């Protein structure tokens, strides 16, 4: 009798194990895990619009063309299919946002209806490098026709999908501030080191610049606010000289130093927006600034019209797990006068 009881328990344990294995194999698996901290989209950018379209007539009145959309949650590819979807009671969320299309991408996680509020949840994946911003329009298909929406609230979280490679100069961008409109040719002394450019660099950039900072490229026939390039940068720096900055102190440090080096508020703002997530998350960062003379040695620029002021800044940084001692780098203040050209970028280095 005792042996039968033991045998029964063994069989029961065995069957339980089999059940657990089968249940786990059938249970849906998450492909990845990521902390999603959604924030209102206007904390990231003001350059977006949202609009709910509930009829084909409304769509036609907007004068949009179907090939100008990125369709989301939909298999629609033709105008006829779009019209048929409206007839079946589908609604569409028209979402337009300005993003860096070269290195960033936006995905739509979900839509939630909270009484009369439609909440849109987005995910932006960001990689190293940047080119000029372009406007992208999405058309998100909603399963049911919704007519009582009074408010649309977009939320987003941002994640880096890659780490910055070392020995690459990331996001050097050039701003131009002439005293009067002019044509100018820009050329690199070492174009073989270039990896990405926007607009595309083909032996030169031939552009028209205005005092407002607008750049018109004759080759692409488009306007830009800056010229962008990336390049292989194997410059050796003295890492015993620089600054060691707490990650949480990144913003005040950069605001102070970049202003001292001659950047204006907009340039400082764009610099910090790009580099903040790569610096602030670290306990400490080693930071060193290469300025105009250093940059001219690495990647000399030629201008058909010589500026009165040329400011070039490359921030070299390395994440640190703890504070180290380095000799503080001495920086020279830069004053802007006359026709001014400004460039900034950054690079991760190994300590």
Protein backbone atom coordinates (compact mmCIF):
# COMPACT_ATOMS: atom_id res chain seq x y z
CA UNK A 1 0.00 0.00 0.00
CA UNK A 2 2.85 2.34 0.91
CA UNK A 3 4.59 1.59 -2.40
CA UNK A 4 1.38 2.41 -4.32
CA UNK A 5 1.15 5.76 -2.55
CA UNK A 6 4.73 6.66 -3.46
CA UNK A 7 4.14 5.56 -7.06
CA UNK A 8 0.99 7.72 -7.21
CA UNK A 9 2.92 10.78 -5.98
CA UNK A 10 5.70 10.20 -8.56
CA UNK A 11 3.14 9.93 -11.38
CA UNK A 12 1.37 13.08 -10.14
CA UNK A 13 4.64 15.06 -10.08
CA UNK A 14 5.55 13.77 -13.54
CA UNK A 15 2.16 14.77 -15.01
CA UNK A 16 2.39 18.18 -13.33
CA UNK A 17 5.80 18.77 -14.90
CA UNK A 18 4.47 17.78 -18.33
CA UNK A 19 1.54 20.18 -17.91
CA UNK A 20 3.86 23.06 -16.96
CA UNK A 21 6.11 22.44 -19.95
CA UNK A 22 3.16 22.39 -22.36
CA UNK A 23 1.57 25.49 -20.78
CA UNK A 24 4.80 27.47 -21.00
CA UNK A 25 5.30 26.46 -24.62
CA UNK A 26 1.83 27.71 -25.52
CA UNK A 27 2.04 30.93 -23.53
CA UNK A 28 2.75 33.96 -25.76
CA UNK A 29 6.33 35.14 -25.46
CA UNK A 30 7.49 38.71 -25.49
CA UNK A 31 10.08 39.31 -28.13
CA UNK A 32 11.82 41.94 -26.04
CA UNK A 33 11.43 43.92 -22.89
CA UNK A 34 11.87 47.68 -22.76
CA UNK A 35 10.99 50.28 -20.20
CA UNK A 36 8.41 52.46 -21.86
CA UNK A 37 8.11 55.86 -20.25
CA UNK A 38 5.63 57.75 -22.36
CA UNK A 39 5.61 61.52 -22.16
CA UNK A 40 3.45 64.11 -23.94
CA UNK A 41 4.79 64.58 -27.46
CA UNK A 42 5.07 68.34 -27.03
CA UNK A 43 7.87 67.72 -24.52
CA UNK A 44 9.93 66.40 -27.44
CA UNK A 45 8.77 68.61 -30.31
CA UNK A 46 6.19 71.21 -31.25
CA UNK A 47 6.49 70.31 -34.94
CA UNK A 48 3.55 67.94 -35.30
CA UNK A 49 -0.16 67.95 -36.15
CA UNK A 50 -2.94 65.43 -35.55
CA UNK A 51 -6.30 65.23 -37.28
CA UNK A 52 -9.07 62.62 -37.25
CA UNK A 53 -10.57 61.89 -40.67
CA UNK A 54 -13.93 60.13 -40.59
CA UNK A 55 -15.07 60.34 -44.23
CA UNK A 56 -13.67 60.12 -47.73
CA UNK A 57 -15.12 63.56 -48.46
CA UNK A 58 -13.07 65.04 -45.63
CA UNK A 59 -9.97 63.31 -46.95
CA UNK A 60 -10.53 64.72 -50.45
CA UNK A 61 -11.09 68.22 -49.10
CA UNK A 62 -7.61 68.16 -47.58
CA UNK A 63 -6.15 67.74 -51.06
CA UNK A 64 -3.75 65.01 -49.95
CA UNK A 65 -2.39 62.32 -52.27
CA UNK A 66 -2.28 58.72 -51.17
CA UNK A 67 1.40 58.30 -52.15
CA UNK A 68 2.37 61.05 -49.69
CA UNK A 69 1.32 58.93 -46.67
CA UNK A 70 2.97 56.21 -44.66
CA UNK A 71 0.06 53.86 -43.90
CA UNK A 72 0.00 52.35 -40.40
CA UNK A 73 -2.16 49.43 -39.21
CA UNK A 74 -3.46 49.11 -42.75
CA UNK A 75 -2.88 47.21 -45.99
CA UNK A 76 -4.25 50.01 -48.19
CA UNK A 77 -2.20 50.82 -51.27
CA UNK A 78 -4.66 52.51 -53.66
CA UNK A 79 -7.12 55.39 -53.65
CA UNK A 80 -9.98 52.96 -54.33
CA UNK A 81 -9.10 50.85 -51.28
CA UNK A 82 -9.00 53.97 -49.12
CA UNK A 83 -12.45 55.08 -50.34
CA UNK A 84 -13.85 51.60 -49.70
CA UNK A 85 -12.44 51.63 -46.15
CA UNK A 86 -14.31 54.86 -45.37
CA UNK A 87 -17.52 53.35 -46.79
CA UNK A 88 -17.07 50.40 -44.41
CA UNK A 89 -16.99 52.79 -41.43
CA UNK A 90 -13.24 53.02 -40.89
CA UNK A 91 -11.64 56.19 -39.53
CA UNK A 92 -8.08 57.38 -40.01
CA UNK A 93 -5.77 59.41 -37.81
CA UNK A 94 -3.68 61.79 -39.88
CA UNK A 95 -0.40 62.41 -38.05
CA UNK A 96 2.37 64.67 -39.36
CA UNK A 97 5.69 65.15 -37.57
CA UNK A 98 9.09 66.63 -38.40
CA UNK A 99 11.90 64.11 -37.77
CA UNK A 100 15.40 63.25 -38.87
CA UNK A 101 14.53 60.64 -41.49
CA UNK A 102 18.16 59.50 -41.92
CA UNK A 103 18.67 58.10 -38.43
CA UNK A 104 15.34 58.20 -36.59
CA UNK A 105 12.14 56.22 -37.06
CA UNK A 106 8.69 56.33 -35.48
CA UNK A 107 6.46 53.36 -34.77
CA UNK A 108 2.87 53.36 -33.50
CA UNK A 109 2.42 51.28 -30.36
CA UNK A 110 -1.30 51.69 -29.72
CA UNK A 111 -4.35 53.94 -29.66
CA UNK A 112 -6.65 54.25 -26.66
CA UNK A 113 -10.07 55.85 -26.43
CA UNK A 114 -10.77 57.57 -23.12
CA UNK A 115 -14.33 58.89 -23.36
CA UNK A 116 -13.95 61.79 -25.86
CA UNK A 117 -10.12 61.74 -25.87
CA UNK A 118 -8.09 59.70 -28.35
CA UNK A 119 -4.63 58.84 -26.97
CA UNK A 120 -1.90 57.99 -29.44
CA UNK A 121 1.24 56.20 -28.18
CA UNK A 122 4.40 56.45 -30.27
CA UNK A 123 7.93 55.09 -30.06
CA UNK A 124 10.86 56.91 -31.64
CA UNK A 125 14.05 54.92 -32.22
CA UNK A 126 17.15 57.08 -32.44
CA UNK A 127 20.54 56.10 -33.75
CA UNK A 128 23.76 58.05 -33.94
CA UNK A 129 24.05 60.66 -36.64
CA UNK A 130 21.68 63.34 -37.78
CA UNK A 131 20.65 64.99 -41.00
CA UNK A 132 18.26 67.82 -41.63
CA UNK A 133 14.68 67.50 -40.49
CA UNK A 134 11.91 66.51 -42.89
CA UNK A 135 8.13 66.38 -42.50
CA UNK A 136 6.63 62.88 -42.55
CA UNK A 137 2.89 62.13 -42.69
CA UNK A 138 1.28 58.94 -41.36
CA UNK A 139 -2.26 57.66 -41.85
CA UNK A 140 -3.26 55.32 -39.02
CA UNK A 141 -6.29 53.13 -39.71
CA UNK A 142 -8.73 52.87 -36.79
CA UNK A 143 -10.98 49.81 -36.62
CA UNK A 144 -14.22 51.70 -36.06
CA UNK A 145 -15.66 54.99 -37.22
CA UNK A 146 -15.27 57.40 -34.31
CA UNK A 147 -17.26 60.61 -34.39
CA UNK A 148 -17.34 61.87 -30.82
CA UNK A 149 -13.64 62.70 -30.40
CA UNK A 150 -13.03 66.15 -28.95
CA UNK A 151 -9.31 65.87 -28.22
CA UNK A 152 -6.27 63.96 -29.52
CA UNK A 153 -3.35 63.48 -27.14
CA UNK A 154 -0.10 62.05 -28.60
CA UNK A 155 2.48 60.50 -26.26
CA UNK A 156 5.94 59.15 -27.07
CA UNK A 157 8.96 57.45 -25.59
CA UNK A 158 12.41 57.52 -27.16
CA UNK A 159 15.07 54.82 -27.19
CA UNK A 160 18.52 54.50 -28.69
CA UNK A 161 18.76 51.48 -30.99
CA UNK A 162 22.56 51.56 -31.28
CA UNK A 163 25.51 52.87 -29.37
CA UNK A 164 27.70 55.48 -30.96
CA UNK A 165 30.76 54.02 -32.63
CA UNK A 166 34.12 55.32 -31.59
CA UNK A 167 36.32 57.18 -34.07
CA UNK A 168 33.34 58.65 -35.89
CA UNK A 169 32.59 62.38 -35.86
CA UNK A 170 28.83 62.52 -35.27
CA UNK A 171 26.57 65.29 -36.44
CA UNK A 172 28.98 68.00 -37.39
CA UNK A 173 26.56 70.55 -38.83
CA UNK A 174 27.36 73.93 -40.35
CA UNK A 175 25.35 77.11 -39.81
CA UNK A 176 25.87 80.20 -41.97
CA UNK A 177 25.20 83.80 -40.91
CA UNK A 178 26.18 86.22 -43.73
CA UNK A 179 25.61 89.96 -43.47
CA UNK A 180 23.91 89.88 -46.87
CA UNK A 181 22.62 87.17 -49.24
CA UNK A 182 25.42 85.46 -51.14
CA UNK A 183 26.45 82.38 -53.08
CA UNK A 184 29.24 80.30 -51.58
CA UNK A 185 31.05 77.04 -52.38
CA UNK A 186 32.06 74.73 -49.51
CA UNK A 187 34.64 71.96 -49.97
CA UNK A 188 36.38 69.44 -47.69
CA UNK A 189 40.14 68.99 -47.78
CA UNK A 190 39.75 65.25 -46.91
CA UNK A 191 36.48 64.12 -48.55
CA UNK A 192 37.62 60.47 -48.49
CA UNK A 193 36.92 60.46 -44.73
CA UNK A 194 33.26 61.40 -45.19
CA UNK A 195 30.69 58.70 -44.40
CA UNK A 196 27.37 60.59 -44.59
CA UNK A 197 26.37 64.01 -45.89
CA UNK A 198 23.08 65.85 -46.21
CA UNK A 199 22.38 67.31 -48.64
CA UNK A 200 24.58 64.97 -50.61
CA UNK A 201 28.11 66.28 -51.02
CA UNK A 202 29.39 65.82 -54.59
CA UNK A 203 32.84 67.44 -54.81
CA UNK A 204 31.36 70.55 -53.16
CA UNK A 205 28.29 72.15 -51.67
CA UNK A 206 27.14 75.00 -53.90
CA UNK A 207 24.69 77.03 -51.87
CA UNK A 208 22.97 80.38 -51.46
CA UNK A 209 22.88 81.73 -47.91
CA UNK A 210 20.90 84.55 -46.30
CA UNK A 211 21.25 86.60 -43.06
CA UNK A 212 18.31 84.65 -41.55
CA UNK A 213 20.43 81.47 -41.69
CA UNK A 214 18.53 79.81 -44.54
CA UNK A 215 20.60 77.69 -46.92
CA UNK A 216 19.47 76.94 -50.49
CA UNK A 217 21.29 74.10 -52.21
CA UNK A 218 21.50 74.57 -55.99
CA UNK A 219 21.89 70.86 -56.64
CA UNK A 220 18.82 69.63 -54.73
CA UNK A 221 16.85 72.86 -55.11
CA UNK A 222 15.81 72.62 -51.44
CA UNK A 223 16.17 74.85 -48.39
CA UNK A 224 18.03 73.77 -45.24
CA UNK A 225 18.87 75.29 -41.89
CA UNK A 226 22.29 73.60 -41.71
CA UNK A 227 24.65 71.37 -43.69
CA UNK A 228 25.37 67.98 -42.16
CA UNK A 229 28.27 65.57 -42.43
CA UNK A 230 29.81 62.62 -40.61
CA UNK A 231 33.30 61.26 -41.03
CA UNK A 232 35.91 58.83 -39.79
CA UNK A 233 37.81 60.65 -37.05
CA UNK A 234 40.89 58.93 -35.62
CA UNK A 235 42.35 62.08 -34.08
CA UNK A 236 44.37 61.28 -30.95
CA UNK A 237 43.71 63.61 -28.03
CA UNK A 238 45.40 63.98 -24.66
CA UNK A 239 42.82 62.39 -22.34
CA UNK A 240 44.72 63.57 -19.26
CA UNK A 241 43.33 67.03 -20.06
CA UNK A 242 39.64 67.87 -20.13
CA UNK A 243 36.69 67.87 -17.75
CA UNK A 244 34.99 65.22 -15.63
CA UNK A 245 31.30 65.99 -15.32
CA UNK A 246 28.51 64.24 -13.44
CA UNK A 247 25.85 62.94 -15.81
CA UNK A 248 23.19 64.91 -13.93
CA UNK A 249 25.23 68.12 -14.40
CA UNK A 250 25.46 67.76 -18.18
CA UNK A 251 23.04 70.57 -19.08
CA UNK A 252 24.51 73.43 -17.00
CA UNK A 253 28.03 72.38 -17.94
CA UNK A 254 27.33 72.39 -21.68
CA UNK A 255 25.32 75.62 -21.53
CA UNK A 256 28.23 77.38 -19.84
CA UNK A 257 31.10 75.99 -21.93
CA UNK A 258 29.39 76.18 -25.33
CA UNK A 259 28.33 79.77 -24.72
CA UNK A 260 31.92 80.60 -23.74
CA UNK A 261 33.13 78.99 -26.98
CA UNK A 262 30.83 81.20 -29.06
CA UNK A 263 27.64 79.21 -29.74
CA UNK A 264 24.32 81.04 -29.60
CA UNK A 265 21.23 79.81 -27.75
CA UNK A 266 19.71 77.92 -30.69
CA UNK A 267 22.98 76.13 -31.46
CA UNK A 268 23.46 75.23 -27.79
CA UNK A 269 19.86 73.99 -27.62
CA UNK A 270 20.31 71.70 -30.64
CA UNK A 271 23.67 70.46 -29.34
CA UNK A 272 22.21 69.50 -25.96
CA UNK A 273 19.07 67.93 -27.45
CA UNK A 274 21.24 65.59 -29.53
CA UNK A 275 23.86 64.65 -26.90
CA UNK A 276 21.89 64.79 -23.63
CA UNK A 277 20.61 61.20 -23.58
CA UNK A 278 24.09 59.89 -24.36
CA UNK A 279 25.69 61.82 -21.48
CA UNK A 280 23.12 62.31 -18.73
CA UNK A 281 22.53 58.58 -18.19
CA UNK A 282 26.18 57.99 -17.19
CA UNK A 283 27.46 58.49 -13.60
CA UNK A 284 30.25 60.69 -15.00
CA UNK A 285 31.61 61.69 -18.39
CA UNK A 286 35.05 62.71 -19.52
CA UNK A 287 34.65 65.66 -21.91
CA UNK A 288 37.22 67.42 -24.07
CA UNK A 289 36.63 70.13 -26.66
CA UNK A 290 38.50 70.42 -29.92
CA UNK A 291 38.09 73.88 -31.39
CA UNK A 292 38.71 75.55 -34.74
CA UNK A 293 42.45 75.01 -35.06
CA UNK A 294 42.14 71.31 -34.10
CA UNK A 295 39.27 70.77 -36.52
CA UNK A 296 41.12 72.46 -39.34
CA UNK A 297 43.95 69.94 -38.82
CA UNK A 298 41.54 66.99 -38.95
CA UNK A 299 39.03 68.07 -41.61
CA UNK A 300 39.90 71.41 -43.12
CA UNK A 301 37.07 73.31 -44.78
CA UNK A 302 37.46 75.65 -47.74
CA UNK A 303 35.00 78.47 -48.40
CA UNK A 304 34.88 80.45 -51.63
CA UNK A 305 34.10 83.50 -49.46
CA UNK A 306 36.10 83.69 -46.26
CA UNK A 307 34.04 84.29 -43.09
CA UNK A 308 35.00 86.96 -40.59
CA UNK A 309 34.39 84.45 -37.79
CA UNK A 310 34.77 80.67 -38.00
CA UNK A 311 33.78 78.62 -34.95
CA UNK A 312 34.30 74.86 -35.09
CA UNK A 313 33.71 72.70 -32.00
CA UNK A 314 34.06 68.93 -31.61
CA UNK A 315 33.22 67.43 -28.22
CA UNK A 316 35.13 64.24 -27.42
CA UNK A 317 33.55 62.26 -24.58
CA UNK A 318 33.86 58.96 -22.76
CA UNK A 319 31.35 57.50 -20.25
CA UNK A 320 32.82 56.89 -16.78
CA UNK A 321 31.56 54.67 -13.96
CA UNK A 322 33.33 56.79 -11.36
CA UNK A 323 35.08 60.13 -11.04
CA UNK A 324 38.70 60.39 -12.18
CA UNK A 325 41.23 63.19 -11.95
CA UNK A 326 42.28 65.06 -15.10
CA UNK A 327 43.92 68.42 -15.69
CA UNK A 328 41.24 71.00 -16.51
CA UNK A 329 41.25 72.05 -20.14
CA UNK A 330 41.82 75.75 -20.76
CA UNK A 331 39.35 77.18 -23.26
CA UNK A 332 39.62 80.42 -25.19
CA UNK A 333 36.47 82.56 -25.45
CA UNK A 334 35.21 83.27 -28.95
CA UNK A 335 33.43 86.45 -30.04
CA UNK A 336 31.28 86.51 -33.16
CA UNK A 337 31.53 89.39 -35.59
CA UNK A 338 30.69 89.95 -39.23
CA UNK A 339 30.03 87.02 -41.56
CA UNK A 340 30.01 83.99 -39.21
CA UNK A 341 30.12 80.24 -39.85
CA UNK A 342 29.55 77.85 -36.94
CA UNK A 343 30.04 74.09 -36.75
CA UNK A 344 29.55 71.63 -33.88
CA UNK A 345 29.75 67.86 -33.52
CA UNK A 346 30.85 65.12 -31.14
CA UNK A 347 32.74 61.86 -30.88
CA UNK A 348 33.01 59.05 -28.35
CA UNK A 349 36.59 58.16 -27.38
CA UNK A 350 38.17 55.40 -25.35
CA UNK A 351 39.88 56.30 -22.09
